[in-house]
Amino acid sequence: MRKTPSRGGYGECSEQKMLKFLLSFASGAYLGAYIAQNYQIPQLVSPQELYEQAIEYIEQYKKSGKE
């Protein structure tokens, strides 16, 4: 017997991947909300500040002669 692809050739494998992704995303969102409500965590630095820190680190690395 010849196997025919179900649902446009995607099959169960992609459905399982999608379910796994959604469960992981939902549990991560729930855990993040729980932690934010119940623990005092410091604010993250802005992307601009993070970029500036990375540039400073790279410049210091270059100045020290490490390559």
PDB file of N, CA and C in Angstrom:
ATOM      1  N   MET A   1       0.831  -1.190   0.000  1.00  0.00           N
ATOM      2  CA  MET A   1       0.000   0.000   0.000  1.00  0.00           C
ATOM      3  C   MET A   1       0.870   1.246   0.000  1.00  0.00           C
ATOM      4  N   ARG A   2       0.396   2.220  -0.710  1.00  0.00           N
ATOM      5  CA  ARG A   2       1.122   3.473  -0.814  1.00  0.00           C
ATOM      6  C   ARG A   2       0.638   4.454   0.249  1.00  0.00           C
ATOM      7  N   LYS A   3       1.566   5.100   0.920  1.00  0.00           N
ATOM      8  CA  LYS A   3       1.195   6.084   1.939  1.00  0.00           C
ATOM      9  C   LYS A   3       0.882   7.409   1.267  1.00  0.00           C
ATOM     10  N   THR A   4      -0.196   8.015   1.668  1.00  0.00           N
ATOM     11  CA  THR A   4      -0.549   9.330   1.126  1.00  0.00           C
ATOM     12  C   THR A   4      -0.373  10.365   2.228  1.00  0.00           C
ATOM     13  N   PRO A   5       0.183  11.503   1.893  1.00  0.00           N
ATOM     14  CA  PRO A   5       0.371  12.538   2.915  1.00  0.00           C
ATOM     15  C   PRO A   5      -0.968  13.097   3.368  1.00  0.00           C
ATOM     16  N   SER A   6      -1.093  13.314   4.655  1.00  0.00           N
ATOM     17  CA  SER A   6      -2.326  13.885   5.180  1.00  0.00           C
ATOM     18  C   SER A   6      -2.167  15.392   5.343  1.00  0.00           C
ATOM     19  N   ARG A   7      -3.225  16.095   5.166  1.00  0.00           N
ATOM     20  CA  ARG A   7      -3.286  17.552   5.366  1.00  0.00           C
ATOM     21  C   ARG A   7      -2.214  18.298   4.587  1.00  0.00           C
ATOM     22  N   GLY A   8      -2.169  18.082   3.326  1.00  0.00           N
ATOM     23  CA  GLY A   8      -1.262  18.848   2.482  1.00  0.00           C
ATOM     24  C   GLY A   8       0.187  18.468   2.625  1.00  0.00           C
ATOM     25  N   GLY A   9       0.478  17.286   3.137  1.00  0.00           N
ATOM     26  CA  GLY A   9       1.847  16.823   3.232  1.00  0.00           C
ATOM     27  C   GLY A   9       2.549  17.169   4.527  1.00  0.00           C
ATOM     28  N   TYR A  10       1.859  17.799   5.460  1.00  0.00           N
ATOM     29  CA  TYR A  10       2.521  18.184   6.704  1.00  0.00           C
ATOM     30  C   TYR A  10       2.523  17.050   7.720  1.00  0.00           C
ATOM     31  N   GLY A  11       1.431  16.314   7.824  1.00  0.00           N
ATOM     32  CA  GLY A  11       1.378  15.152   8.695  1.00  0.00           C
ATOM     33  C   GLY A  11       1.360  15.493  10.170  1.00  0.00           C
ATOM     34  N   GLU A  12       1.465  14.457  10.981  1.00  0.00           N
ATOM     35  CA  GLU A  12       1.392  14.623  12.426  1.00  0.00           C
ATOM     36  C   GLU A  12       2.641  15.260  13.003  1.00  0.00           C
ATOM     37  N   CYS A  13       3.748  15.080  12.354  1.00  0.00           N
ATOM     38  CA  CYS A  13       5.008  15.582  12.892  1.00  0.00           C
ATOM     39  C   CYS A  13       4.937  17.088  13.132  1.00  0.00           C
ATOM     40  N   SER A  14       4.424  17.835  12.172  1.00  0.00           N
ATOM     41  CA  SER A  14       4.355  19.285  12.354  1.00  0.00           C
ATOM     42  C   SER A  14       3.301  19.661  13.386  1.00  0.00           C
ATOM     43  N   GLU A  15       2.230  18.854  13.494  1.00  0.00           N
ATOM     44  CA  GLU A  15       1.221  19.127  14.514  1.00  0.00           C
ATOM     45  C   GLU A  15       1.813  18.929  15.905  1.00  0.00           C
ATOM     46  N   GLN A  16       2.630  17.909  16.063  1.00  0.00           N
ATOM     47  CA  GLN A  16       3.274  17.668  17.346  1.00  0.00           C
ATOM     48  C   GLN A  16       4.257  18.788  17.672  1.00  0.00           C
ATOM     49  N   LYS A  17       4.976  19.252  16.672  1.00  0.00           N
ATOM     50  CA  LYS A  17       5.918  20.352  16.886  1.00  0.00           C
ATOM     51  C   LYS A  17       5.180  21.620  17.290  1.00  0.00           C
ATOM     52  N   MET A  18       4.047  21.874  16.633  1.00  0.00           N
ATOM     53  CA  MET A  18       3.262  23.067  16.939  1.00  0.00           C
ATOM     54  C   MET A  18       2.709  22.989  18.361  1.00  0.00           C
ATOM     55  N   LEU A  19       2.203  21.822  18.750  1.00  0.00           N
ATOM     56  CA  LEU A  19       1.677  21.649  20.097  1.00  0.00           C
ATOM     57  C   LEU A  19       2.783  21.829  21.132  1.00  0.00           C
ATOM     58  N   LYS A  20       3.940  21.264  20.867  1.00  0.00           N
ATOM     59  CA  LYS A  20       5.074  21.398  21.781  1.00  0.00           C
ATOM     60  C   LYS A  20       5.481  22.864  21.909  1.00  0.00           C
ATOM     61  N   PHE A  21       5.519  23.577  20.783  1.00  0.00           N
ATOM     62  CA  PHE A  21       5.866  24.997  20.802  1.00  0.00           C
ATOM     63  C   PHE A  21       4.853  25.797  21.616  1.00  0.00           C
ATOM     64  N   LEU A  22       3.569  25.557  21.379  1.00  0.00           N
ATOM     65  CA  LEU A  22       2.537  26.314  22.080  1.00  0.00           C
ATOM     66  C   LEU A  22       2.555  26.037  23.580  1.00  0.00           C
ATOM     67  N   LEU A  23       2.754  24.779  23.964  1.00  0.00           N
ATOM     68  CA  LEU A  23       2.822  24.455  25.387  1.00  0.00           C
ATOM     69  C   LEU A  23       4.044  25.094  26.035  1.00  0.00           C
ATOM     70  N   SER A  24       5.159  25.081  25.346  1.00  0.00           N
ATOM     71  CA  SER A  24       6.369  25.710  25.881  1.00  0.00           C
ATOM     72  C   SER A  24       6.187  27.214  26.016  1.00  0.00           C
ATOM     73  N   PHE A  25       5.597  27.828  25.006  1.00  0.00           N
ATOM     74  CA  PHE A  25       5.374  29.272  25.034  1.00  0.00           C
ATOM     75  C   PHE A  25       4.413  29.652  26.159  1.00  0.00           C
ATOM     76  N   ALA A  26       3.315  28.906  26.283  1.00  0.00           N
ATOM     77  CA  ALA A  26       2.319  29.207  27.313  1.00  0.00           C
ATOM     78  C   ALA A  26       2.898  29.019  28.709  1.00  0.00           C
ATOM     79  N   SER A  27       3.649  27.946  28.917  1.00  0.00           N
ATOM     80  CA  SER A  27       4.228  27.723  30.243  1.00  0.00           C
ATOM     81  C   SER A  27       5.278  28.787  30.560  1.00  0.00           C
ATOM     82  N   GLY A  28       6.039  29.223  29.568  1.00  0.00           N
ATOM     83  CA  GLY A  28       7.013  30.287  29.780  1.00  0.00           C
ATOM     84  C   GLY A  28       6.350  31.610  30.119  1.00  0.00           C
ATOM     85  N   ALA A  29       5.261  31.917  29.429  1.00  0.00           N
ATOM     86  CA  ALA A  29       4.533  33.157  29.711  1.00  0.00           C
ATOM     87  C   ALA A  29       3.935  33.123  31.113  1.00  0.00           C
ATOM     88  N   TYR A  30       3.362  31.975  31.487  1.00  0.00           N
ATOM     89  CA  TYR A  30       2.775  31.838  32.822  1.00  0.00           C
ATOM     90  C   TYR A  30       3.848  31.964  33.897  1.00  0.00           C
ATOM     91  N   LEU A  31       4.961  31.285  33.709  1.00  0.00           N
ATOM     92  CA  LEU A  31       6.047  31.339  34.683  1.00  0.00           C
ATOM     93  C   LEU A  31       6.597  32.761  34.802  1.00  0.00           C
ATOM     94  N   GLY A  32       6.742  33.452  33.678  1.00  0.00           N
ATOM     95  CA  GLY A  32       7.226  34.828  33.708  1.00  0.00           C
ATOM     96  C   GLY A  32       6.288  35.750  34.463  1.00  0.00           C
ATOM     97  N   ALA A  33       4.982  35.593  34.244  1.00  0.00           N
ATOM     98  CA  ALA A  33       4.003  36.412  34.956  1.00  0.00           C
ATOM     99  C   ALA A  33       4.017  36.100  36.451  1.00  0.00           C
ATOM    100  N   TYR A  34       4.131  34.824  36.790  1.00  0.00           N
ATOM    101  CA  TYR A  34       4.180  34.421  38.205  1.00  0.00           C
ATOM    102  C   TYR A  34       5.388  35.032  38.900  1.00  0.00           C
ATOM    103  N   ILE A  35       6.537  34.934  38.267  1.00  0.00           N
ATOM    104  CA  ILE A  35       7.762  35.477  38.864  1.00  0.00           C
ATOM    105  C   ILE A  35       7.671  36.993  38.994  1.00  0.00           C
ATOM    106  N   ALA A  36       7.134  37.663  37.976  1.00  0.00           N
ATOM    107  CA  ALA A  36       7.023  39.119  38.010  1.00  0.00           C
ATOM    108  C   ALA A  36       6.099  39.588  39.132  1.00  0.00           C
ATOM    109  N   GLN A  37       5.064  38.801  39.430  1.00  0.00           N
ATOM    110  CA  GLN A  37       4.120  39.195  40.470  1.00  0.00           C
ATOM    111  C   GLN A  37       4.613  38.872  41.876  1.00  0.00           C
ATOM    112  N   ASN A  38       5.412  37.835  42.014  1.00  0.00           N
ATOM    113  CA  ASN A  38       5.751  37.344  43.348  1.00  0.00           C
ATOM    114  C   ASN A  38       7.182  37.611  43.796  1.00  0.00           C
ATOM    115  N   TYR A  39       8.019  38.094  42.923  1.00  0.00           N
ATOM    116  CA  TYR A  39       9.414  38.342  43.276  1.00  0.00           C
ATOM    117  C   TYR A  39       9.826  39.725  42.790  1.00  0.00           C
ATOM    118  N   GLN A  40      10.756  40.332  43.518  1.00  0.00           N
ATOM    119  CA  GLN A  40      11.284  41.624  43.090  1.00  0.00           C
ATOM    120  C   GLN A  40      12.502  41.359  42.215  1.00  0.00           C
ATOM    121  N   ILE A  41      12.353  41.584  40.949  1.00  0.00           N
ATOM    122  CA  ILE A  41      13.460  41.381  40.022  1.00  0.00           C
ATOM    123  C   ILE A  41      13.831  42.732  39.423  1.00  0.00           C
ATOM    124  N   PRO A  42      15.118  42.982  39.206  1.00  0.00           N
ATOM    125  CA  PRO A  42      15.532  44.280  38.664  1.00  0.00           C
ATOM    126  C   PRO A  42      15.089  44.439  37.207  1.00  0.00           C
ATOM    127  N   GLN A  43      14.931  45.694  36.819  1.00  0.00           N
ATOM    128  CA  GLN A  43      14.564  45.996  35.441  1.00  0.00           C
ATOM    129  C   GLN A  43      15.719  45.653  34.511  1.00  0.00           C
ATOM    130  N   LEU A  44      15.396  45.208  33.322  1.00  0.00           N
ATOM    131  CA  LEU A  44      16.419  44.936  32.323  1.00  0.00           C
ATOM    132  C   LEU A  44      16.912  46.246  31.734  1.00  0.00           C
ATOM    133  N   VAL A  45      18.155  46.246  31.289  1.00  0.00           N
ATOM    134  CA  VAL A  45      18.678  47.445  30.642  1.00  0.00           C
ATOM    135  C   VAL A  45      18.040  47.579  29.267  1.00  0.00           C
ATOM    136  N   SER A  46      17.994  48.810  28.785  1.00  0.00           N
ATOM    137  CA  SER A  46      17.405  49.046  27.473  1.00  0.00           C
ATOM    138  C   SER A  46      18.335  48.502  26.384  1.00  0.00           C
ATOM    139  N   PRO A  47      17.802  48.234  25.203  1.00  0.00           N
ATOM    140  CA  PRO A  47      18.656  47.744  24.115  1.00  0.00           C
ATOM    141  C   PRO A  47      19.790  48.708  23.783  1.00  0.00           C
ATOM    142  N   GLN A  48      19.539  50.007  23.880  1.00  0.00           N
ATOM    143  CA  GLN A  48      20.579  51.004  23.605  1.00  0.00           C
ATOM    144  C   GLN A  48      21.715  50.885  24.613  1.00  0.00           C
ATOM    145  N   GLU A  49      21.373  50.755  25.891  1.00  0.00           N
ATOM    146  CA  GLU A  49      22.405  50.609  26.922  1.00  0.00           C
ATOM    147  C   GLU A  49      23.177  49.308  26.739  1.00  0.00           C
ATOM    148  N   LEU A  50      22.490  48.253  26.398  1.00  0.00           N
ATOM    149  CA  LEU A  50      23.139  46.965  26.170  1.00  0.00           C
ATOM    150  C   LEU A  50      24.107  47.049  25.001  1.00  0.00           C
ATOM    151  N   TYR A  51      23.705  47.750  23.947  1.00  0.00           N
ATOM    152  CA  TYR A  51      24.567  47.951  22.782  1.00  0.00           C
ATOM    153  C   TYR A  51      25.822  48.736  23.174  1.00  0.00           C
ATOM    154  N   GLU A  52      25.631  49.801  23.948  1.00  0.00           N
ATOM    155  CA  GLU A  52      26.771  50.620  24.374  1.00  0.00           C
ATOM    156  C   GLU A  52      27.730  49.819  25.253  1.00  0.00           C
ATOM    157  N   GLN A  53      27.198  48.989  26.139  1.00  0.00           N
ATOM    158  CA  GLN A  53      28.046  48.143  26.981  1.00  0.00           C
ATOM    159  C   GLN A  53      28.824  47.143  26.138  1.00  0.00           C
ATOM    160  N   ALA A  54      28.192  46.602  25.118  1.00  0.00           N
ATOM    161  CA  ALA A  54      28.872  45.646  24.243  1.00  0.00           C
ATOM    162  C   ALA A  54      30.005  46.328  23.484  1.00  0.00           C
ATOM    163  N   ILE A  55      29.760  47.546  22.993  1.00  0.00           N
ATOM    164  CA  ILE A  55      30.795  48.294  22.276  1.00  0.00           C
ATOM    165  C   ILE A  55      31.973  48.587  23.206  1.00  0.00           C
ATOM    166  N   GLU A  56      31.692  49.014  24.439  1.00  0.00           N
ATOM    167  CA  GLU A  56      32.759  49.283  25.408  1.00  0.00           C
ATOM    168  C   GLU A  56      33.567  48.024  25.691  1.00  0.00           C
ATOM    169  N   TYR A  57      32.901  46.900  25.843  1.00  0.00           N
ATOM    170  CA  TYR A  57      33.588  45.635  26.112  1.00  0.00           C
ATOM    171  C   TYR A  57      34.491  45.255  24.947  1.00  0.00           C
ATOM    172  N   ILE A  58      33.995  45.428  23.730  1.00  0.00           N
ATOM    173  CA  ILE A  58      34.789  45.093  22.541  1.00  0.00           C
ATOM    174  C   ILE A  58      36.006  46.004  22.443  1.00  0.00           C
ATOM    175  N   GLU A  59      35.819  47.304  22.712  1.00  0.00           N
ATOM    176  CA  GLU A  59      36.944  48.236  22.656  1.00  0.00           C
ATOM    177  C   GLU A  59      37.992  47.898  23.712  1.00  0.00           C
ATOM    178  N   GLN A  60      37.566  47.544  24.911  1.00  0.00           N
ATOM    179  CA  GLN A  60      38.513  47.155  25.957  1.00  0.00           C
ATOM    180  C   GLN A  60      39.244  45.877  25.572  1.00  0.00           C
ATOM    181  N   TYR A  61      38.541  44.959  24.948  1.00  0.00           N
ATOM    182  CA  TYR A  61      39.139  43.695  24.518  1.00  0.00           C
ATOM    183  C   TYR A  61      40.203  43.947  23.455  1.00  0.00           C
ATOM    184  N   LYS A  62      39.902  44.875  22.531  1.00  0.00           N
ATOM    185  CA  LYS A  62      40.873  45.209  21.483  1.00  0.00           C
ATOM    186  C   LYS A  62      42.094  45.918  22.072  1.00  0.00           C
ATOM    187  N   LYS A  63      41.879  46.813  23.047  1.00  0.00           N
ATOM    188  CA  LYS A  63      42.979  47.569  23.646  1.00  0.00           C
ATOM    189  C   LYS A  63      43.924  46.672  24.428  1.00  0.00           C
ATOM    190  N   SER A  64      43.411  45.604  24.999  1.00  0.00           N
ATOM    191  CA  SER A  64      44.263  44.733  25.812  1.00  0.00           C
ATOM    192  C   SER A  64      45.173  43.861  24.956  1.00  0.00           C
ATOM    193  N   GLY A  65      44.975  43.859  23.635  1.00  0.00           N
ATOM    194  CA  GLY A  65      45.843  43.120  22.727  1.00  0.00           C
ATOM    195  C   GLY A  65      45.462  41.671  22.543  1.00  0.00           C
ATOM    196  N   LYS A  66      44.333  41.268  23.077  1.00  0.00           N
ATOM    197  CA  LYS A  66      43.874  39.890  22.902  1.00  0.00           C
ATOM    198  C   LYS A  66      43.175  39.772  21.558  1.00  0.00           C
ATOM    199  N   GLU A  67      43.566  38.801  20.791  1.00  0.00           N
ATOM    200  CA  GLU A  67      42.906  38.605  19.496  1.00  0.00           C
ATOM    201  C   GLU A  67      42.653  37.162  19.252  1.00  0.00           C
TER     202      GLU A  67
END
